[in-house]
C-alpha cells in the first residue's frame, strides 16, 4: 500500500478541521454524528489522508464551523452562531451580558473568564489567564471559564435562546 500524497495545503486544512472540532468541544465520534460522517473518515480528514468531501464541508457549516477558516486559514470577522435554528450574530460579550443580566451579579474577573471561553469557542481566540495563581481573581476567572463551557454546551444543544 502506498503512502498518500499529503500536500502542505491539505495538511493545513486537516489541522484546521481538528482545531475547529476542538473549538466546538466535540470528540471525533460526536463530530462524525453531527456531520453524518463516520469517525474513521473524520480521522482521515484530520490527518490529511483524505480530502474533505464537499457535502462534509456543507455539514460543517451547519454545525457552526467556520468553513472559510478551514479552507483558507483566515477567519471571518465573527462566526455566526446558529441558536435553535435562528442565525444570530452575537459577540462573546453580548452573550455574557445576556447570561449575567438575570440577577447573576458576578465579579469582573468571572465575566472575563466567561467571555474568554466564548471568544475561544466562537472566534478561536486563545485563552490566557491574566491573574496570578492562588489569588481570588484567578479563582473567579476560572469559575467564569467553567460557566463559559457550560453556556457553550447549552447554545450548541439549542437549550439557550437569547431574548
C-alpha atoms as a PDB file:
ATOM      1  CA  UNK A   1       0.000   0.000   0.000  1.00  0.00           C
ATOM      2  CA  UNK A   2       1.439   3.382  -0.976  1.00  0.00           C
ATOM      3  CA  UNK A   3       1.619   6.424   1.276  1.00  0.00           C
ATOM      4  CA  UNK A   4      -0.977   9.040   0.332  1.00  0.00           C
ATOM      5  CA  UNK A   5       0.322  12.292  -1.125  1.00  0.00           C
ATOM      6  CA  UNK A   6      -0.198  14.860   1.629  1.00  0.00           C
ATOM      7  CA  UNK A   7       0.421  18.297   0.231  1.00  0.00           C
ATOM      8  CA  UNK A   8       1.239  21.108   2.673  1.00  0.00           C
ATOM      9  CA  UNK A   9      -2.098  22.765   1.814  1.00  0.00           C
ATOM     10  CA  UNK A  10      -4.038  19.569   2.594  1.00  0.00           C
ATOM     11  CA  UNK A  11      -2.186  19.201   5.906  1.00  0.00           C
ATOM     12  CA  UNK A  12      -3.058  22.797   6.817  1.00  0.00           C
ATOM     13  CA  UNK A  13      -6.741  22.142   6.088  1.00  0.00           C
ATOM     14  CA  UNK A  14      -6.564  18.883   8.060  1.00  0.00           C
ATOM     15  CA  UNK A  15      -5.143  20.710  11.074  1.00  0.00           C
ATOM     16  CA  UNK A  16      -7.816  23.384  10.915  1.00  0.00           C
ATOM     17  CA  UNK A  17     -10.585  20.750  10.779  1.00  0.00           C
ATOM     18  CA  UNK A  18      -9.227  19.270  14.022  1.00  0.00           C
ATOM     19  CA  UNK A  19      -8.852  22.759  15.505  1.00  0.00           C
ATOM     20  CA  UNK A  20     -12.474  23.632  14.731  1.00  0.00           C
ATOM     21  CA  UNK A  21     -13.680  20.287  16.122  1.00  0.00           C
ATOM     22  CA  UNK A  22     -11.808  21.044  19.353  1.00  0.00           C
ATOM     23  CA  UNK A  23     -13.178  24.603  19.418  1.00  0.00           C
ATOM     24  CA  UNK A  24     -16.670  23.106  19.351  1.00  0.00           C
ATOM     25  CA  UNK A  25     -15.709  20.768  22.196  1.00  0.00           C
ATOM     26  CA  UNK A  26     -16.524  17.604  20.258  1.00  0.00           C
ATOM     27  CA  UNK A  27     -14.855  14.229  20.070  1.00  0.00           C
ATOM     28  CA  UNK A  28     -14.280  12.713  16.631  1.00  0.00           C
ATOM     29  CA  UNK A  29     -17.273  10.470  17.313  1.00  0.00           C
ATOM     30  CA  UNK A  30     -19.553  13.429  18.179  1.00  0.00           C
ATOM     31  CA  UNK A  31     -18.210  15.414  15.218  1.00  0.00           C
ATOM     32  CA  UNK A  32     -18.960  12.454  12.953  1.00  0.00           C
ATOM     33  CA  UNK A  33     -22.524  12.117  14.226  1.00  0.00           C
ATOM     34  CA  UNK A  34     -23.114  15.858  13.831  1.00  0.00           C
ATOM     35  CA  UNK A  35     -21.854  15.824  10.218  1.00  0.00           C
ATOM     36  CA  UNK A  36     -23.240  12.392   9.286  1.00  0.00           C
ATOM     37  CA  UNK A  37     -19.681  11.167   8.690  1.00  0.00           C
ATOM     38  CA  UNK A  38     -18.022   8.047  10.103  1.00  0.00           C
ATOM     39  CA  UNK A  39     -15.439   8.793  12.814  1.00  0.00           C
ATOM     40  CA  UNK A  40     -12.743   6.999  10.817  1.00  0.00           C
ATOM     41  CA  UNK A  41     -13.401   9.375   7.926  1.00  0.00           C
ATOM     42  CA  UNK A  42     -13.075  12.293  10.369  1.00  0.00           C
ATOM     43  CA  UNK A  43      -9.712  10.872  11.444  1.00  0.00           C
ATOM     44  CA  UNK A  44      -8.622  10.605   7.808  1.00  0.00           C
ATOM     45  CA  UNK A  45      -9.660  14.215   7.168  1.00  0.00           C
ATOM     46  CA  UNK A  46      -7.813  15.415  10.275  1.00  0.00           C
ATOM     47  CA  UNK A  47      -4.593  13.613   9.331  1.00  0.00           C
ATOM     48  CA  UNK A  48      -4.683  14.660   5.696  1.00  0.00           C
ATOM     49  CA  UNK A  49      -5.124  11.088   4.452  1.00  0.00           C
ATOM     50  CA  UNK A  50      -8.277  12.142   2.585  1.00  0.00           C
ATOM     51  CA  UNK A  51      -9.509  15.346   1.025  1.00  0.00           C
ATOM     52  CA  UNK A  52     -12.711  16.610   2.680  1.00  0.00           C
ATOM     53  CA  UNK A  53     -15.816  15.950   0.612  1.00  0.00           C
ATOM     54  CA  UNK A  54     -17.994  18.934  -0.393  1.00  0.00           C
ATOM     55  CA  UNK A  55     -21.021  17.547   1.465  1.00  0.00           C
ATOM     56  CA  UNK A  56     -18.881  17.195   4.607  1.00  0.00           C
ATOM     57  CA  UNK A  57     -17.900  20.857   4.322  1.00  0.00           C
ATOM     58  CA  UNK A  58     -21.578  21.815   3.967  1.00  0.00           C
ATOM     59  CA  UNK A  59     -22.385  19.852   7.137  1.00  0.00           C
ATOM     60  CA  UNK A  60     -19.522  21.626   8.932  1.00  0.00           C
ATOM     61  CA  UNK A  61     -21.137  24.952   8.121  1.00  0.00           C
ATOM     62  CA  UNK A  62     -24.421  23.701   9.613  1.00  0.00           C
ATOM     63  CA  UNK A  63     -22.840  22.904  13.000  1.00  0.00           C
ATOM     64  CA  UNK A  64     -21.069  26.238  13.432  1.00  0.00           C
ATOM     65  CA  UNK A  65     -17.671  25.555  11.882  1.00  0.00           C
ATOM     66  CA  UNK A  66     -16.023  28.493  10.150  1.00  0.00           C
ATOM     67  CA  UNK A  67     -15.559  26.698   6.803  1.00  0.00           C
ATOM     68  CA  UNK A  68     -13.866  29.722   5.284  1.00  0.00           C
ATOM     69  CA  UNK A  69     -11.221  29.444   8.007  1.00  0.00           C
ATOM     70  CA  UNK A  70     -10.844  25.693   7.445  1.00  0.00           C
ATOM     71  CA  UNK A  71     -10.183  26.228   3.733  1.00  0.00           C
ATOM     72  CA  UNK A  72      -8.162  29.451   3.770  1.00  0.00           C
ATOM     73  CA  UNK A  73      -6.777  29.948   7.266  1.00  0.00           C
ATOM     74  CA  UNK A  74      -8.484  33.360   7.505  1.00  0.00           C
ATOM     75  CA  UNK A  75     -11.314  33.769   9.997  1.00  0.00           C
ATOM     76  CA  UNK A  76     -14.435  35.752   9.309  1.00  0.00           C
ATOM     77  CA  UNK A  77     -14.907  38.874  11.393  1.00  0.00           C
ATOM     78  CA  UNK A  78     -17.226  36.808  13.584  1.00  0.00           C
ATOM     79  CA  UNK A  79     -18.601  33.306  13.449  1.00  0.00           C
ATOM     80  CA  UNK A  80     -22.358  33.016  13.088  1.00  0.00           C
ATOM     81  CA  UNK A  81     -23.827  31.139  15.986  1.00  0.00           C
ATOM     82  CA  UNK A  82     -26.794  29.034  14.960  1.00  0.00           C
ATOM     83  CA  UNK A  83     -29.006  29.047  18.023  1.00  0.00           C
ATOM     84  CA  UNK A  84     -32.061  26.846  17.778  1.00  0.00           C
ATOM     85  CA  UNK A  85     -32.428  27.399  14.057  1.00  0.00           C
ATOM     86  CA  UNK A  86     -32.117  31.194  14.296  1.00  0.00           C
ATOM     87  CA  UNK A  87     -28.880  32.500  12.834  1.00  0.00           C
ATOM     88  CA  UNK A  88     -27.990  35.342  15.136  1.00  0.00           C
ATOM     89  CA  UNK A  89     -24.731  37.267  15.272  1.00  0.00           C
ATOM     90  CA  UNK A  90     -23.720  37.544  18.907  1.00  0.00           C
ATOM     91  CA  UNK A  91     -20.375  38.598  20.286  1.00  0.00           C
ATOM     92  CA  UNK A  92     -18.968  36.790  23.332  1.00  0.00           C
ATOM     93  CA  UNK A  93     -19.513  39.991  25.324  1.00  0.00           C
ATOM     94  CA  UNK A  94     -23.171  40.233  24.271  1.00  0.00           C
ATOM     95  CA  UNK A  95     -23.770  36.602  25.244  1.00  0.00           C
ATOM     96  CA  UNK A  96     -22.100  37.149  28.641  1.00  0.00           C
ATOM     97  CA  UNK A  97     -24.218  40.254  29.228  1.00  0.00           C
ATOM     98  CA  UNK A  98     -27.399  38.312  28.430  1.00  0.00           C
ATOM     99  CA  UNK A  99     -26.352  35.364  30.629  1.00  0.00           C
ATOM    100  CA  UNK A 100     -25.405  37.550  33.588  1.00  0.00           C
ATOM    101  CA  UNK A 101     -28.280  40.046  33.244  1.00  0.00           C
ATOM    102  CA  UNK A 102     -30.832  37.900  35.023  1.00  0.00           C
ATOM    103  CA  UNK A 103     -29.915  38.573  38.648  1.00  0.00           C
ATOM    104  CA  UNK A 104     -26.480  36.957  38.344  1.00  0.00           C
ATOM    105  CA  UNK A 105     -24.117  39.581  39.747  1.00  0.00           C
ATOM    106  CA  UNK A 106     -20.567  38.322  39.348  1.00  0.00           C
ATOM    107  CA  UNK A 107     -17.151  39.906  39.523  1.00  0.00           C
ATOM    108  CA  UNK A 108     -15.386  41.419  36.527  1.00  0.00           C
ATOM    109  CA  UNK A 109     -12.887  38.533  36.694  1.00  0.00           C
ATOM    110  CA  UNK A 110     -15.701  35.969  36.479  1.00  0.00           C
ATOM    111  CA  UNK A 111     -17.227  37.777  33.496  1.00  0.00           C
ATOM    112  CA  UNK A 112     -13.843  37.948  31.766  1.00  0.00           C
ATOM    113  CA  UNK A 113     -13.410  34.180  32.210  1.00  0.00           C
ATOM    114  CA  UNK A 114     -16.852  33.596  30.686  1.00  0.00           C
ATOM    115  CA  UNK A 115     -16.147  35.962  27.775  1.00  0.00           C
ATOM    116  CA  UNK A 116     -12.721  34.410  27.096  1.00  0.00           C
ATOM    117  CA  UNK A 117     -14.172  30.903  26.743  1.00  0.00           C
ATOM    118  CA  UNK A 118     -16.969  32.129  24.466  1.00  0.00           C
ATOM    119  CA  UNK A 119     -14.411  34.047  22.352  1.00  0.00           C
ATOM    120  CA  UNK A 120     -12.394  30.844  22.058  1.00  0.00           C
ATOM    121  CA  UNK A 121     -15.435  28.810  21.060  1.00  0.00           C
ATOM    122  CA  UNK A 122     -16.875  31.369  18.639  1.00  0.00           C
ATOM    123  CA  UNK A 123     -13.778  33.005  17.206  1.00  0.00           C
ATOM    124  CA  UNK A 124     -10.870  30.704  18.021  1.00  0.00           C
ATOM    125  CA  UNK A 125      -9.133  33.276  20.237  1.00  0.00           C
ATOM    126  CA  UNK A 126      -6.572  31.769  22.596  1.00  0.00           C
ATOM    127  CA  UNK A 127      -7.338  31.850  26.313  1.00  0.00           C
ATOM    128  CA  UNK A 128      -4.752  33.408  28.602  1.00  0.00           C
ATOM    129  CA  UNK A 129      -5.493  33.990  32.261  1.00  0.00           C
ATOM    130  CA  UNK A 130      -4.303  37.456  33.287  1.00  0.00           C
ATOM    131  CA  UNK A 131      -4.322  36.637  37.017  1.00  0.00           C
ATOM    132  CA  UNK A 132      -1.743  35.060  39.290  1.00  0.00           C
ATOM    133  CA  UNK A 133      -2.481  31.507  40.506  1.00  0.00           C
ATOM    134  CA  UNK A 134      -3.759  31.299  44.070  1.00  0.00           C
ATOM    135  CA  UNK A 135      -5.493  34.690  44.066  1.00  0.00           C
ATOM    136  CA  UNK A 136      -9.244  35.240  44.407  1.00  0.00           C
ATOM    137  CA  UNK A 137      -9.220  36.841  40.940  1.00  0.00           C
ATOM    138  CA  UNK A 138      -7.662  33.679  39.487  1.00  0.00           C
ATOM    139  CA  UNK A 139     -10.361  31.527  41.116  1.00  0.00           C
ATOM    140  CA  UNK A 140     -13.161  33.815  39.889  1.00  0.00           C
ATOM    141  CA  UNK A 141     -11.708  33.837  36.360  1.00  0.00           C
ATOM    142  CA  UNK A 142     -11.682  30.021  36.189  1.00  0.00           C
ATOM    143  CA  UNK A 143     -15.172  29.814  37.654  1.00  0.00           C
ATOM    144  CA  UNK A 144     -16.187  32.058  34.746  1.00  0.00           C
ATOM    145  CA  UNK A 145     -14.335  29.713  32.363  1.00  0.00           C
ATOM    146  CA  UNK A 146     -16.413  26.813  33.679  1.00  0.00           C
ATOM    147  CA  UNK A 147     -19.586  28.843  33.162  1.00  0.00           C
ATOM    148  CA  UNK A 148     -18.451  29.677  29.614  1.00  0.00           C
ATOM    149  CA  UNK A 149     -18.031  25.997  28.752  1.00  0.00           C
ATOM    150  CA  UNK A 150     -21.437  25.229  30.271  1.00  0.00           C
ATOM    151  CA  UNK A 151     -23.014  28.123  28.349  1.00  0.00           C
ATOM    152  CA  UNK A 152     -21.435  26.909  25.101  1.00  0.00           C
ATOM    153  CA  UNK A 153     -22.941  23.431  25.550  1.00  0.00           C
ATOM    154  CA  UNK A 154     -26.370  24.987  26.147  1.00  0.00           C
ATOM    155  CA  UNK A 155     -26.012  27.000  22.948  1.00  0.00           C
ATOM    156  CA  UNK A 156     -24.823  24.061  20.852  1.00  0.00           C
ATOM    157  CA  UNK A 157     -27.626  21.849  22.131  1.00  0.00           C
ATOM    158  CA  UNK A 158     -30.222  24.568  21.495  1.00  0.00           C
ATOM    159  CA  UNK A 159     -31.231  24.857  25.140  1.00  0.00           C
ATOM    160  CA  UNK A 160     -30.348  28.559  25.397  1.00  0.00           C
ATOM    161  CA  UNK A 161     -32.063  31.247  23.390  1.00  0.00           C
ATOM    162  CA  UNK A 162     -31.140  34.923  23.519  1.00  0.00           C
ATOM    163  CA  UNK A 163     -34.031  37.280  24.239  1.00  0.00           C
END
